[in-house]
Amino acid sequence: MIFDVAHLIWYVSQFMVLNPGDVINTGTPAGVALGSQDRPYLRAGDVVELEIDHLGRQRQNFRATP
């Protein structure tokens, strides 16, 4: 990460109210995937799963757009 967690919380709290349970999605800097030799981008058939203890799970199946 470019900035540590404390800095991100400080920065975001300058223009919005943060409440317990809020999630701050940071992503990655622009162009990071371009430097990867393997599959840098999601493609049709890829599956992304996310689980947070005591909260839940989600699964995304990617497909081509018509």
N, C-alpha and C. Protein backbone atom coordinates (compact mmCIF):
# COMPACT_ATOMS: atom_id res chain seq x y z
N MET A 1 0.84 -1.19 0.00
CA MET A 1 0.00 0.00 0.00
C MET A 1 0.88 1.24 0.00
N ILE A 2 0.42 2.25 -0.68
CA ILE A 2 1.16 3.51 -0.71
C ILE A 2 1.01 4.24 0.61
N PHE A 3 -0.20 4.28 1.17
CA PHE A 3 -0.47 4.93 2.45
C PHE A 3 -0.87 3.89 3.48
N ASP A 4 -0.51 4.09 4.73
CA ASP A 4 -0.90 3.13 5.75
C ASP A 4 -2.37 3.34 6.15
N VAL A 5 -2.91 2.38 6.89
CA VAL A 5 -4.32 2.39 7.25
C VAL A 5 -4.70 3.65 8.03
N ALA A 6 -3.87 4.05 8.98
CA ALA A 6 -4.17 5.24 9.78
C ALA A 6 -4.31 6.48 8.90
N HIS A 7 -3.45 6.61 7.90
CA HIS A 7 -3.52 7.76 7.01
C HIS A 7 -4.80 7.72 6.17
N LEU A 8 -5.16 6.54 5.67
CA LEU A 8 -6.39 6.42 4.88
C LEU A 8 -7.62 6.81 5.70
N ILE A 9 -7.67 6.35 6.95
CA ILE A 9 -8.81 6.70 7.80
C ILE A 9 -8.83 8.20 8.06
N TRP A 10 -7.67 8.79 8.34
CA TRP A 10 -7.60 10.24 8.56
C TRP A 10 -8.08 10.98 7.32
N TYR A 11 -7.59 10.59 6.16
CA TYR A 11 -7.94 11.28 4.92
C TYR A 11 -9.43 11.20 4.62
N VAL A 12 -10.00 10.00 4.64
CA VAL A 12 -11.41 9.83 4.33
C VAL A 12 -12.29 10.56 5.33
N SER A 13 -11.87 10.59 6.59
CA SER A 13 -12.69 11.25 7.61
C SER A 13 -12.70 12.77 7.46
N GLN A 14 -11.87 13.32 6.58
CA GLN A 14 -11.88 14.76 6.34
C GLN A 14 -13.12 15.21 5.55
N PHE A 15 -13.73 14.29 4.79
CA PHE A 15 -14.88 14.68 3.98
C PHE A 15 -16.10 13.77 4.13
N MET A 16 -16.05 12.81 5.04
CA MET A 16 -17.23 12.01 5.32
C MET A 16 -17.17 11.45 6.74
N VAL A 17 -18.33 11.11 7.27
CA VAL A 17 -18.40 10.54 8.61
C VAL A 17 -18.23 9.02 8.48
N LEU A 18 -17.30 8.48 9.24
CA LEU A 18 -17.10 7.03 9.26
C LEU A 18 -17.82 6.44 10.46
N ASN A 19 -18.51 5.34 10.24
CA ASN A 19 -19.24 4.65 11.29
C ASN A 19 -18.66 3.25 11.48
N PRO A 20 -18.84 2.67 12.66
CA PRO A 20 -18.36 1.31 12.88
C PRO A 20 -18.90 0.37 11.80
N GLY A 21 -18.02 -0.43 11.23
CA GLY A 21 -18.42 -1.36 10.18
C GLY A 21 -18.23 -0.83 8.77
N ASP A 22 -17.93 0.45 8.62
CA ASP A 22 -17.67 0.99 7.28
C ASP A 22 -16.44 0.32 6.67
N VAL A 23 -16.46 0.16 5.37
CA VAL A 23 -15.36 -0.45 4.64
C VAL A 23 -14.79 0.60 3.70
N ILE A 24 -13.47 0.71 3.67
CA ILE A 24 -12.80 1.62 2.74
C ILE A 24 -12.08 0.76 1.70
N ASN A 25 -12.60 0.74 0.48
CA ASN A 25 -11.96 0.00 -0.61
C ASN A 25 -10.87 0.87 -1.21
N THR A 26 -9.67 0.36 -1.24
CA THR A 26 -8.56 1.16 -1.73
C THR A 26 -8.16 0.83 -3.16
N GLY A 27 -8.32 -0.40 -3.57
CA GLY A 27 -7.92 -0.78 -4.92
C GLY A 27 -6.40 -0.74 -5.08
N THR A 28 -5.95 -0.53 -6.30
CA THR A 28 -4.52 -0.46 -6.58
C THR A 28 -4.25 0.76 -7.45
N PRO A 29 -3.02 1.26 -7.45
CA PRO A 29 -2.70 2.40 -8.31
C PRO A 29 -2.91 2.07 -9.78
N ALA A 30 -3.22 3.04 -10.57
CA ALA A 30 -3.44 2.85 -12.00
C ALA A 30 -2.21 2.24 -12.66
N GLY A 31 -2.44 1.27 -13.53
CA GLY A 31 -1.37 0.67 -14.30
C GLY A 31 -0.68 -0.50 -13.65
N VAL A 32 -1.05 -0.88 -12.42
CA VAL A 32 -0.38 -1.98 -11.74
C VAL A 32 -0.51 -3.28 -12.54
N ALA A 33 -1.67 -3.56 -13.06
CA ALA A 33 -1.89 -4.82 -13.79
C ALA A 33 -1.08 -4.88 -15.08
N LEU A 34 -0.73 -3.74 -15.63
CA LEU A 34 0.01 -3.74 -16.89
C LEU A 34 1.40 -4.36 -16.74
N GLY A 35 1.96 -4.35 -15.54
CA GLY A 35 3.28 -4.91 -15.32
C GLY A 35 3.28 -6.40 -15.04
N SER A 36 2.11 -7.02 -15.00
CA SER A 36 2.01 -8.45 -14.71
C SER A 36 2.17 -9.27 -15.98
N GLN A 37 3.00 -10.32 -15.91
CA GLN A 37 3.23 -11.17 -17.08
C GLN A 37 2.10 -12.18 -17.30
N ASP A 38 1.41 -12.55 -16.22
CA ASP A 38 0.33 -13.53 -16.37
C ASP A 38 -0.99 -12.83 -16.66
N ARG A 39 -2.08 -13.34 -16.15
CA ARG A 39 -3.41 -12.81 -16.45
C ARG A 39 -3.75 -11.62 -15.55
N PRO A 40 -3.47 -10.40 -15.98
CA PRO A 40 -3.67 -9.26 -15.08
C PRO A 40 -5.13 -8.83 -14.93
N TYR A 41 -5.99 -9.21 -15.87
CA TYR A 41 -7.36 -8.73 -15.82
C TYR A 41 -8.33 -9.89 -15.69
N LEU A 42 -9.51 -9.61 -15.12
CA LEU A 42 -10.54 -10.63 -15.01
C LEU A 42 -11.10 -10.92 -16.39
N ARG A 43 -11.38 -12.19 -16.64
CA ARG A 43 -11.90 -12.63 -17.93
C ARG A 43 -13.13 -13.50 -17.73
N ALA A 44 -13.86 -13.72 -18.81
CA ALA A 44 -15.02 -14.60 -18.75
C ALA A 44 -14.59 -15.95 -18.20
N GLY A 45 -15.36 -16.48 -17.27
CA GLY A 45 -15.05 -17.77 -16.64
C GLY A 45 -14.33 -17.63 -15.31
N ASP A 46 -13.75 -16.47 -15.02
CA ASP A 46 -13.08 -16.25 -13.74
C ASP A 46 -14.12 -16.17 -12.62
N VAL A 47 -13.73 -16.57 -11.43
CA VAL A 47 -14.59 -16.53 -10.26
C VAL A 47 -13.85 -15.80 -9.14
N VAL A 48 -14.54 -14.85 -8.51
CA VAL A 48 -13.97 -14.13 -7.37
C VAL A 48 -14.87 -14.40 -6.17
N GLU A 49 -14.26 -14.84 -5.07
CA GLU A 49 -15.01 -15.12 -3.86
C GLU A 49 -14.45 -14.28 -2.71
N LEU A 50 -15.34 -13.76 -1.89
CA LEU A 50 -14.96 -12.95 -0.74
C LEU A 50 -15.76 -13.42 0.46
N GLU A 51 -15.06 -13.60 1.58
CA GLU A 51 -15.76 -14.01 2.81
C GLU A 51 -15.20 -13.22 3.98
N ILE A 52 -16.11 -12.72 4.81
CA ILE A 52 -15.74 -12.01 6.03
C ILE A 52 -16.39 -12.75 7.19
N ASP A 53 -15.56 -13.19 8.15
CA ASP A 53 -16.07 -13.94 9.30
C ASP A 53 -17.22 -13.22 9.98
N HIS A 54 -18.25 -13.96 10.30
CA HIS A 54 -19.43 -13.46 11.02
C HIS A 54 -20.24 -12.45 10.23
N LEU A 55 -19.90 -12.25 8.95
CA LEU A 55 -20.66 -11.30 8.14
C LEU A 55 -21.29 -11.99 6.94
N GLY A 56 -20.52 -12.72 6.19
CA GLY A 56 -21.10 -13.41 5.03
C GLY A 56 -20.07 -13.68 3.95
N ARG A 57 -20.58 -14.19 2.84
CA ARG A 57 -19.74 -14.59 1.72
C ARG A 57 -20.42 -14.16 0.43
N GLN A 58 -19.62 -13.80 -0.56
CA GLN A 58 -20.18 -13.52 -1.88
C GLN A 58 -19.30 -14.16 -2.94
N ARG A 59 -19.92 -14.50 -4.06
CA ARG A 59 -19.21 -15.14 -5.16
C ARG A 59 -19.65 -14.46 -6.45
N GLN A 60 -18.69 -14.06 -7.26
CA GLN A 60 -18.97 -13.41 -8.52
C GLN A 60 -18.41 -14.27 -9.64
N ASN A 61 -19.27 -14.63 -10.60
CA ASN A 61 -18.84 -15.37 -11.77
C ASN A 61 -18.82 -14.40 -12.95
N PHE A 62 -17.69 -14.28 -13.58
CA PHE A 62 -17.55 -13.32 -14.67
C PHE A 62 -17.89 -13.98 -16.01
N ARG A 63 -18.59 -13.23 -16.86
CA ARG A 63 -18.94 -13.72 -18.18
C ARG A 63 -18.77 -12.59 -19.19
N ALA A 64 -18.66 -12.95 -20.43
CA ALA A 64 -18.50 -11.97 -21.50
C ALA A 64 -19.80 -11.20 -21.69
N THR A 65 -19.69 -9.95 -22.05
CA THR A 65 -20.88 -9.16 -22.33
C THR A 65 -21.25 -9.34 -23.81
N PRO A 66 -22.55 -9.32 -24.09
CA PRO A 66 -22.96 -9.52 -25.50
C PRO A 66 -22.61 -8.35 -26.38
